């Protein structure tokens, strides 16, 4: 990026709806958090997505639920359970010569 330019990130209607669903929010609840109307959220989800001026606000509210951050790439780890990730980590640590690590269901918080 050169001096004087600013990155433009977009949130499609499909991405917004998916992030809202992952956050377990209704359109009304999201609208309240964004201080916009439910109709605006519906329009964004069914139309061309979030207007560029509103993207920072939506990112502030749904940031962790928008897959892939700013580049739009899906999070490759989101498809695995915590236990599967821990098991893979333990396997790799053992293969690297670290002392064996085991995880059990009782270790869950």
N, C-alpha and C. Protein backbone atom coordinates (compact mmCIF):
# COMPACT_ATOMS: atom_id res chain seq x y z
N UNK A 1 0.85 -1.17 0.00
CA UNK A 1 0.00 0.00 0.00
C UNK A 1 0.90 1.23 0.00
N UNK A 2 0.61 2.19 -0.84
CA UNK A 2 1.44 3.38 -0.93
C UNK A 2 0.90 4.46 -0.02
N UNK A 3 1.75 5.45 0.24
CA UNK A 3 1.33 6.57 1.09
C UNK A 3 0.14 7.26 0.45
N UNK A 4 -0.83 7.60 1.30
CA UNK A 4 -2.00 8.30 0.79
C UNK A 4 -3.13 7.39 0.36
N UNK A 5 -2.87 6.06 0.35
CA UNK A 5 -3.94 5.13 0.00
C UNK A 5 -4.42 4.45 1.27
N UNK A 6 -5.64 3.98 1.22
CA UNK A 6 -6.22 3.30 2.36
C UNK A 6 -6.87 2.01 1.88
N UNK A 7 -6.65 0.94 2.64
CA UNK A 7 -7.25 -0.35 2.28
C UNK A 7 -8.76 -0.26 2.42
N UNK A 8 -9.45 -0.89 1.48
CA UNK A 8 -10.90 -0.94 1.54
C UNK A 8 -11.31 -2.39 1.74
N UNK A 9 -12.03 -2.65 2.82
CA UNK A 9 -12.48 -3.99 3.11
C UNK A 9 -13.98 -4.02 2.89
N UNK A 10 -14.46 -5.15 2.42
CA UNK A 10 -15.89 -5.28 2.19
C UNK A 10 -16.45 -6.43 3.01
N UNK A 11 -17.72 -6.35 3.30
CA UNK A 11 -18.44 -7.42 3.96
C UNK A 11 -19.67 -7.67 3.12
N UNK A 12 -19.72 -8.83 2.49
CA UNK A 12 -20.87 -9.16 1.65
C UNK A 12 -22.08 -9.47 2.52
N UNK A 13 -23.24 -9.45 1.91
CA UNK A 13 -24.45 -9.80 2.63
C UNK A 13 -24.40 -11.21 3.17
N UNK A 14 -23.85 -12.10 2.38
CA UNK A 14 -23.71 -13.51 2.80
C UNK A 14 -22.77 -13.63 4.00
N UNK A 15 -21.64 -12.91 3.96
CA UNK A 15 -20.69 -12.93 5.08
C UNK A 15 -21.30 -12.33 6.34
N UNK A 16 -22.05 -11.26 6.17
CA UNK A 16 -22.70 -10.63 7.32
C UNK A 16 -23.70 -11.57 7.96
N UNK A 17 -24.53 -12.21 7.15
CA UNK A 17 -25.53 -13.14 7.67
C UNK A 17 -24.86 -14.31 8.38
N UNK A 18 -23.77 -14.82 7.81
CA UNK A 18 -23.07 -15.95 8.42
C UNK A 18 -22.43 -15.54 9.74
N UNK A 19 -21.81 -14.38 9.78
CA UNK A 19 -21.19 -13.90 11.02
C UNK A 19 -22.24 -13.65 12.09
N UNK A 20 -23.37 -13.10 11.70
CA UNK A 20 -24.46 -12.85 12.65
C UNK A 20 -24.96 -14.17 13.22
N UNK A 21 -25.09 -15.17 12.37
CA UNK A 21 -25.55 -16.49 12.82
C UNK A 21 -24.53 -17.12 13.77
N UNK A 22 -23.23 -17.01 13.45
CA UNK A 22 -22.20 -17.56 14.33
C UNK A 22 -22.21 -16.85 15.68
N UNK A 23 -22.52 -15.58 15.68
CA UNK A 23 -22.59 -14.81 16.92
C UNK A 23 -23.90 -15.07 17.68
N UNK A 24 -24.80 -15.84 17.04
CA UNK A 24 -26.11 -16.18 17.61
C UNK A 24 -26.92 -14.92 17.93
N UNK A 25 -26.92 -14.03 16.96
CA UNK A 25 -27.69 -12.79 17.07
C UNK A 25 -28.81 -12.79 16.05
N UNK A 26 -29.95 -12.23 16.43
CA UNK A 26 -31.01 -12.00 15.46
C UNK A 26 -30.66 -10.72 14.71
N UNK A 27 -31.37 -10.48 13.61
CA UNK A 27 -31.16 -9.22 12.89
C UNK A 27 -31.48 -8.03 13.79
N UNK A 28 -32.51 -8.16 14.61
CA UNK A 28 -32.89 -7.08 15.53
C UNK A 28 -31.77 -6.82 16.54
N UNK A 29 -31.20 -7.89 17.12
CA UNK A 29 -30.12 -7.73 18.10
C UNK A 29 -28.88 -7.08 17.48
N UNK A 30 -28.54 -7.51 16.27
CA UNK A 30 -27.39 -6.91 15.59
C UNK A 30 -27.67 -5.44 15.30
N UNK A 31 -28.87 -5.16 14.84
CA UNK A 31 -29.25 -3.78 14.56
C UNK A 31 -29.11 -2.91 15.81
N UNK A 32 -29.56 -3.43 16.94
CA UNK A 32 -29.45 -2.67 18.20
C UNK A 32 -27.99 -2.41 18.55
N UNK A 33 -27.14 -3.42 18.39
CA UNK A 33 -25.71 -3.25 18.69
C UNK A 33 -25.06 -2.22 17.76
N UNK A 34 -25.52 -2.20 16.52
CA UNK A 34 -24.95 -1.27 15.53
C UNK A 34 -25.62 0.10 15.56
N UNK A 35 -26.68 0.20 16.36
CA UNK A 35 -27.48 1.43 16.44
C UNK A 35 -28.03 1.81 15.06
N UNK A 36 -28.54 0.77 14.39
CA UNK A 36 -29.19 0.93 13.09
C UNK A 36 -30.53 0.21 13.15
N UNK A 37 -31.31 0.36 12.12
CA UNK A 37 -32.61 -0.30 12.09
C UNK A 37 -32.46 -1.76 11.67
N UNK A 38 -33.44 -2.56 12.06
CA UNK A 38 -33.45 -3.95 11.63
C UNK A 38 -33.57 -4.02 10.11
N UNK A 39 -34.30 -3.08 9.55
CA UNK A 39 -34.46 -3.03 8.09
C UNK A 39 -33.11 -2.81 7.39
N UNK A 40 -32.24 -2.00 8.01
CA UNK A 40 -30.90 -1.77 7.43
C UNK A 40 -30.11 -3.08 7.39
N UNK A 41 -30.14 -3.84 8.50
CA UNK A 41 -29.43 -5.11 8.55
C UNK A 41 -30.00 -6.07 7.50
N UNK A 42 -31.33 -6.13 7.41
CA UNK A 42 -31.96 -6.98 6.40
C UNK A 42 -31.51 -6.58 5.00
N UNK A 43 -31.48 -5.30 4.75
CA UNK A 43 -31.07 -4.79 3.44
C UNK A 43 -29.62 -5.16 3.13
N UNK A 44 -28.74 -5.03 4.12
CA UNK A 44 -27.34 -5.38 3.91
C UNK A 44 -27.20 -6.87 3.60
N UNK A 45 -27.94 -7.70 4.34
CA UNK A 45 -27.83 -9.15 4.14
C UNK A 45 -28.42 -9.60 2.81
N UNK A 46 -29.47 -8.95 2.36
CA UNK A 46 -30.13 -9.37 1.13
C UNK A 46 -29.63 -8.63 -0.11
N UNK A 47 -28.95 -7.52 0.12
CA UNK A 47 -28.49 -6.70 -1.00
C UNK A 47 -27.02 -6.91 -1.30
N UNK A 48 -26.33 -5.79 -1.44
CA UNK A 48 -24.92 -5.81 -1.83
C UNK A 48 -23.96 -5.79 -0.66
N UNK A 49 -24.44 -6.08 0.53
CA UNK A 49 -23.55 -6.10 1.69
C UNK A 49 -23.51 -4.77 2.41
N UNK A 50 -22.54 -4.66 3.29
CA UNK A 50 -22.39 -3.49 4.14
C UNK A 50 -21.71 -2.38 3.36
N UNK A 51 -22.25 -1.18 3.48
CA UNK A 51 -21.63 -0.04 2.78
C UNK A 51 -20.25 0.21 3.37
N UNK A 52 -19.30 0.65 2.54
CA UNK A 52 -17.92 0.86 3.02
C UNK A 52 -17.83 1.75 4.26
N UNK A 53 -18.69 2.73 4.36
CA UNK A 53 -18.66 3.63 5.52
C UNK A 53 -19.04 2.91 6.82
N UNK A 54 -19.80 1.84 6.73
CA UNK A 54 -20.26 1.11 7.92
C UNK A 54 -19.38 -0.08 8.27
N UNK A 55 -18.46 -0.46 7.39
CA UNK A 55 -17.62 -1.64 7.62
C UNK A 55 -16.86 -1.57 8.95
N UNK A 56 -16.21 -0.45 9.29
CA UNK A 56 -15.50 -0.42 10.58
C UNK A 56 -16.41 -0.67 11.78
N UNK A 57 -17.61 -0.15 11.75
CA UNK A 57 -18.57 -0.36 12.84
C UNK A 57 -18.96 -1.84 12.93
N UNK A 58 -19.27 -2.44 11.79
CA UNK A 58 -19.65 -3.86 11.77
C UNK A 58 -18.48 -4.72 12.23
N UNK A 59 -17.27 -4.39 11.78
CA UNK A 59 -16.09 -5.15 12.21
C UNK A 59 -15.87 -5.02 13.71
N UNK A 60 -16.14 -3.86 14.27
CA UNK A 60 -15.98 -3.66 15.72
C UNK A 60 -16.95 -4.53 16.50
N UNK A 61 -18.14 -4.74 15.97
CA UNK A 61 -19.16 -5.53 16.67
C UNK A 61 -19.02 -7.02 16.39
N UNK A 62 -18.73 -7.40 15.15
CA UNK A 62 -18.70 -8.81 14.76
C UNK A 62 -17.31 -9.33 14.41
N UNK A 63 -16.29 -8.56 14.68
CA UNK A 63 -14.93 -8.89 14.25
C UNK A 63 -14.54 -10.35 14.37
N UNK A 64 -14.71 -10.92 15.55
CA UNK A 64 -14.31 -12.30 15.77
C UNK A 64 -15.15 -13.32 15.02
N UNK A 65 -16.31 -12.90 14.56
CA UNK A 65 -17.21 -13.82 13.87
C UNK A 65 -17.14 -13.70 12.35
N UNK A 66 -16.43 -12.70 11.87
CA UNK A 66 -16.25 -12.55 10.42
C UNK A 66 -15.07 -13.42 10.01
N UNK A 67 -15.33 -14.47 9.27
CA UNK A 67 -14.28 -15.43 8.91
C UNK A 67 -13.17 -14.78 8.11
N UNK A 68 -11.96 -15.18 8.45
CA UNK A 68 -10.81 -14.82 7.65
C UNK A 68 -10.32 -13.40 7.80
N UNK A 69 -10.86 -12.66 8.73
CA UNK A 69 -10.39 -11.29 8.91
C UNK A 69 -10.59 -10.46 7.66
N UNK A 70 -9.61 -9.60 7.36
CA UNK A 70 -9.78 -8.64 6.28
C UNK A 70 -9.55 -9.21 4.88
N UNK A 71 -8.90 -10.34 4.77
CA UNK A 71 -8.62 -10.83 3.42
C UNK A 71 -9.69 -11.78 2.89
N UNK A 72 -10.68 -12.12 3.73
CA UNK A 72 -11.79 -12.93 3.27
C UNK A 72 -11.53 -14.43 3.24
N UNK A 73 -10.32 -14.86 3.58
CA UNK A 73 -10.03 -16.29 3.58
C UNK A 73 -10.68 -16.94 4.80
N UNK A 74 -11.24 -18.09 4.60
CA UNK A 74 -11.89 -18.80 5.71
C UNK A 74 -10.84 -19.31 6.68
N UNK A 75 -11.19 -19.36 7.95
CA UNK A 75 -10.31 -19.87 8.99
C UNK A 75 -10.24 -21.39 8.84
N UNK A 76 -9.08 -21.94 8.49
CA UNK A 76 -9.00 -23.38 8.24
C UNK A 76 -9.19 -24.22 9.50
N UNK A 77 -9.02 -23.65 10.68
CA UNK A 77 -9.16 -24.41 11.92
C UNK A 77 -10.58 -24.45 12.44
N UNK A 78 -11.45 -23.62 11.92
CA UNK A 78 -12.82 -23.54 12.45
C UNK A 78 -13.63 -24.81 12.25
N UNK A 79 -13.18 -25.68 11.35
CA UNK A 79 -13.93 -26.91 11.09
C UNK A 79 -13.60 -28.02 12.08
N UNK A 80 -12.60 -27.82 12.94
CA UNK A 80 -12.19 -28.87 13.87
C UNK A 80 -12.62 -28.55 15.30
N UNK A 81 -12.91 -29.59 16.07
CA UNK A 81 -13.26 -29.40 17.48
C UNK A 81 -12.01 -29.08 18.28
N UNK A 82 -12.20 -28.53 19.46
CA UNK A 82 -11.06 -28.23 20.33
C UNK A 82 -10.28 -29.50 20.67
N UNK A 83 -11.00 -30.59 20.93
CA UNK A 83 -10.33 -31.84 21.28
C UNK A 83 -9.50 -32.37 20.11
N UNK A 84 -9.99 -32.25 18.90
CA UNK A 84 -9.24 -32.70 17.73
C UNK A 84 -7.97 -31.86 17.56
N UNK A 85 -8.08 -30.56 17.79
CA UNK A 85 -6.90 -29.69 17.68
C UNK A 85 -5.88 -30.02 18.76
N UNK A 86 -6.35 -30.25 19.98
CA UNK A 86 -5.43 -30.61 21.06
C UNK A 86 -4.75 -31.95 20.79
N UNK A 87 -5.50 -32.90 20.27
CA UNK A 87 -4.92 -34.21 19.95
C UNK A 87 -3.84 -34.07 18.88
N UNK A 88 -4.10 -33.27 17.86
CA UNK A 88 -3.11 -33.04 16.81
C UNK A 88 -1.88 -32.34 17.36
N UNK A 89 -2.07 -31.38 18.23
CA UNK A 89 -0.95 -30.67 18.86
C UNK A 89 -0.10 -31.65 19.68
N UNK A 90 -0.75 -32.51 20.48
CA UNK A 90 -0.02 -33.50 21.28
C UNK A 90 0.78 -34.44 20.37
N UNK A 91 0.17 -34.87 19.27
CA UNK A 91 0.85 -35.76 18.33
C UNK A 91 2.09 -35.09 17.73
N UNK A 92 1.95 -33.84 17.36
CA UNK A 92 3.08 -33.13 16.76
C UNK A 92 4.18 -32.85 17.77
N UNK A 93 3.80 -32.53 19.01
CA UNK A 93 4.81 -32.32 20.05
C UNK A 93 5.58 -33.61 20.31
N UNK A 94 4.87 -34.73 20.35
CA UNK A 94 5.52 -36.02 20.57
C UNK A 94 6.47 -36.34 19.42
N UNK A 95 6.05 -36.07 18.20
CA UNK A 95 6.89 -36.34 17.03
C UNK A 95 8.13 -35.45 17.02
N UNK A 96 8.03 -34.27 17.63
CA UNK A 96 9.16 -33.34 17.65
C UNK A 96 10.13 -33.65 18.79
N UNK A 97 9.81 -34.68 19.58
CA UNK A 97 10.72 -35.08 20.65
C UNK A 97 10.41 -34.46 22.00
N UNK A 98 9.32 -33.74 22.10
CA UNK A 98 8.92 -33.19 23.39
C UNK A 98 8.39 -34.31 24.26
N UNK A 99 8.31 -34.06 25.55
CA UNK A 99 7.74 -35.09 26.42
C UNK A 99 6.28 -35.29 26.04
N UNK A 100 5.77 -36.50 26.20
CA UNK A 100 4.38 -36.78 25.82
C UNK A 100 3.39 -35.90 26.58
N UNK A 101 2.40 -35.46 25.87
CA UNK A 101 1.36 -34.64 26.46
C UNK A 101 0.04 -35.34 26.18
N UNK A 102 -0.79 -35.47 27.19
CA UNK A 102 -2.10 -36.09 26.97
C UNK A 102 -3.18 -35.12 27.45
N UNK A 103 -4.29 -35.19 26.80
CA UNK A 103 -5.45 -34.36 27.14
C UNK A 103 -6.64 -35.27 27.33
N UNK A 104 -7.46 -34.97 28.31
CA UNK A 104 -8.66 -35.77 28.55
C UNK A 104 -9.86 -34.86 28.55
N UNK A 105 -11.02 -35.47 28.42
CA UNK A 105 -12.27 -34.70 28.46
C UNK A 105 -12.39 -33.92 29.77
N UNK A 106 -11.87 -34.47 30.88
CA UNK A 106 -11.98 -33.79 32.17
C UNK A 106 -11.16 -32.52 32.22
N UNK A 107 -10.24 -32.32 31.26
CA UNK A 107 -9.42 -31.13 31.24
C UNK A 107 -10.16 -29.93 30.68
N UNK A 108 -11.35 -30.15 30.18
CA UNK A 108 -12.12 -29.03 29.59
C UNK A 108 -12.52 -28.07 30.69
N UNK A 109 -12.44 -26.76 30.40
CA UNK A 109 -12.83 -25.77 31.41
C UNK A 109 -14.30 -25.84 31.75
